[in-house]
Amino acid sequence: MNKRLIANVIGCACLTLATAAEARTSYDGPWNLTFVTQRGSCDPTYNFSVNINGGVVTHPNLVKFSGYVGRSGAVRASVTVHDKYASGSGKLMQDTGGGTWSGHAAGGRCSGYWTAQRNN
């Protein structure tokens, strides 16, 4: 009987962990992002789309990309593409968001702001 109890407890724990890992957030779905350079020699603007699933921000073509959105909407992300690197933080609301970013490209430092719009 103890083995059966232990198996049930382990099964419930695994199910709970799987459910938590796949938990949807109110920010899940596709988002369009615009990055504006205010200082430095980076391109004036960058536009691309990301997807949020369970609070994890992903981009299908960027291998060195990581991002996370908390329950409060606080977001942090970073990306590396060849010799370019940027990281940023900010906040998402229901359908919009924004924040700041900084990084480097072509040997120079850059910084600016970003905006987000939910892609319904």
Protein backbone atom coordinates (compact mmCIF):
# COMPACT_ATOMS: atom_id res chain seq x y z
CA MET A 1 0.00 0.00 0.00
CA ASN A 2 2.87 2.39 0.69
CA LYS A 3 4.20 1.87 -2.85
CA ARG A 4 0.80 2.76 -4.27
CA LEU A 5 0.59 5.91 -2.12
CA ILE A 6 4.10 6.98 -3.15
CA ALA A 7 3.27 6.37 -6.84
CA ASN A 8 0.12 8.51 -6.53
CA VAL A 9 1.99 11.33 -4.79
CA ILE A 10 4.71 11.30 -7.48
CA GLY A 11 2.07 11.20 -10.22
CA CYS A 12 0.24 14.20 -8.74
CA ALA A 13 3.50 16.12 -8.33
CA CYS A 14 4.46 15.49 -11.97
CA LEU A 15 1.02 16.55 -13.18
CA THR A 16 1.20 19.72 -11.07
CA LEU A 17 4.66 20.60 -12.45
CA ALA A 18 3.56 19.97 -16.04
CA THR A 19 0.46 22.11 -15.57
CA ALA A 20 2.47 24.95 -14.02
CA ALA A 21 5.01 24.83 -16.86
CA GLU A 22 2.25 25.09 -19.44
CA ALA A 23 0.17 27.66 -17.53
CA ARG A 24 -1.22 30.35 -19.76
CA THR A 25 -0.81 34.00 -18.86
CA SER A 26 -2.91 36.98 -19.85
CA TYR A 27 0.01 38.12 -22.03
CA ASP A 28 0.25 34.92 -24.11
CA GLY A 29 0.05 35.25 -27.87
CA PRO A 30 1.77 37.17 -30.67
CA TRP A 31 3.15 40.68 -30.10
CA ASN A 32 4.69 43.23 -32.49
CA LEU A 33 7.70 45.10 -31.11
CA THR A 34 9.36 48.34 -32.20
CA PHE A 35 12.78 49.32 -30.84
CA VAL A 36 13.83 52.94 -31.26
CA THR A 37 17.47 54.00 -30.89
CA GLN A 38 17.88 57.27 -28.99
CA ARG A 39 21.64 57.15 -28.38
CA GLY A 40 24.44 55.49 -30.32
CA SER A 41 25.08 54.31 -33.85
CA CYS A 42 22.64 51.38 -34.01
CA ASP A 43 19.97 51.33 -36.70
CA PRO A 44 17.27 53.96 -35.99
CA THR A 45 14.50 51.37 -35.54
CA TYR A 46 14.06 47.63 -35.35
CA ASN A 47 10.70 45.91 -35.87
CA PHE A 48 9.92 42.26 -35.24
CA SER A 49 7.33 39.95 -33.73
CA VAL A 50 7.58 37.61 -30.77
CA ASN A 51 5.33 35.03 -29.22
CA ILE A 52 4.58 34.66 -25.51
CA ASN A 53 3.57 31.26 -24.18
CA GLY A 54 3.28 30.62 -20.46
CA GLY A 55 5.15 33.86 -19.81
CA VAL A 56 8.14 32.79 -21.95
CA VAL A 57 8.98 35.17 -24.81
CA THR A 58 10.28 33.50 -27.98
CA HIS A 59 11.27 34.44 -31.50
CA PRO A 60 11.33 31.68 -34.16
CA ASN A 61 14.53 32.81 -35.92
CA LEU A 62 16.70 34.05 -33.07
CA VAL A 63 18.66 31.29 -31.38
CA LYS A 64 20.21 33.46 -28.67
CA PHE A 65 17.03 35.09 -27.45
CA SER A 66 15.57 34.81 -23.98
CA GLY A 67 12.72 36.61 -22.35
CA TYR A 68 10.16 36.27 -19.60
CA VAL A 69 6.96 38.08 -18.60
CA GLY A 70 5.89 37.92 -14.96
CA ARG A 71 2.29 37.83 -13.76
CA SER A 72 2.43 41.59 -13.13
CA GLY A 73 3.43 42.21 -16.75
CA ALA A 74 7.06 42.97 -15.92
CA VAL A 75 9.22 41.79 -18.80
CA ARG A 76 12.97 41.18 -19.24
CA ALA A 77 14.64 39.98 -22.42
CA SER A 78 18.01 39.77 -24.15
CA VAL A 79 19.17 38.91 -27.65
CA THR A 80 22.50 38.26 -29.36
CA VAL A 81 22.85 38.28 -33.15
CA HIS A 82 26.40 37.92 -34.45
CA ASP A 83 28.30 40.88 -32.92
CA LYS A 84 25.16 42.69 -31.74
CA TYR A 85 23.73 42.37 -28.23
CA ALA A 86 20.78 44.05 -26.53
CA SER A 87 18.84 43.63 -23.31
CA GLY A 88 15.80 45.40 -22.05
CA SER A 89 13.07 45.56 -19.51
CA GLY A 90 9.65 47.10 -19.20
CA LYS A 91 6.02 46.27 -18.67
CA LEU A 92 3.19 44.79 -20.69
CA MET A 93 -0.42 45.73 -20.10
CA GLN A 94 -3.51 44.22 -21.69
CA ASP A 95 -2.69 45.01 -25.34
CA THR A 96 0.31 47.38 -25.21
CA GLY A 97 3.58 47.79 -23.44
CA GLY A 98 6.94 49.44 -23.43
CA GLY A 99 10.25 49.94 -21.74
CA THR A 100 13.92 50.65 -22.29
CA TRP A 101 16.80 48.76 -23.87
CA SER A 102 20.57 49.04 -24.18
CA GLY A 103 23.25 47.14 -26.03
CA HIS A 104 26.11 47.34 -28.47
CA ALA A 105 26.68 46.94 -32.20
CA ALA A 106 29.66 47.61 -34.47
CA GLY A 107 31.79 48.34 -31.43
CA GLY A 108 29.55 51.10 -30.11
CA ARG A 109 26.99 51.29 -27.33
CA CYS A 110 23.35 52.06 -28.08
CA SER A 111 20.20 52.58 -26.07
CA GLY A 112 16.61 53.61 -26.48
CA TYR A 113 13.04 52.58 -25.83
CA TRP A 114 10.71 49.88 -27.09
CA THR A 115 6.97 49.61 -27.57
CA ALA A 116 4.77 46.55 -27.88
CA GLN A 117 1.38 45.99 -29.43
CA ARG A 118 -0.60 42.74 -29.14
CA ASN A 119 -1.12 41.19 -32.57
CA ASN A 120 -4.76 40.05 -32.41
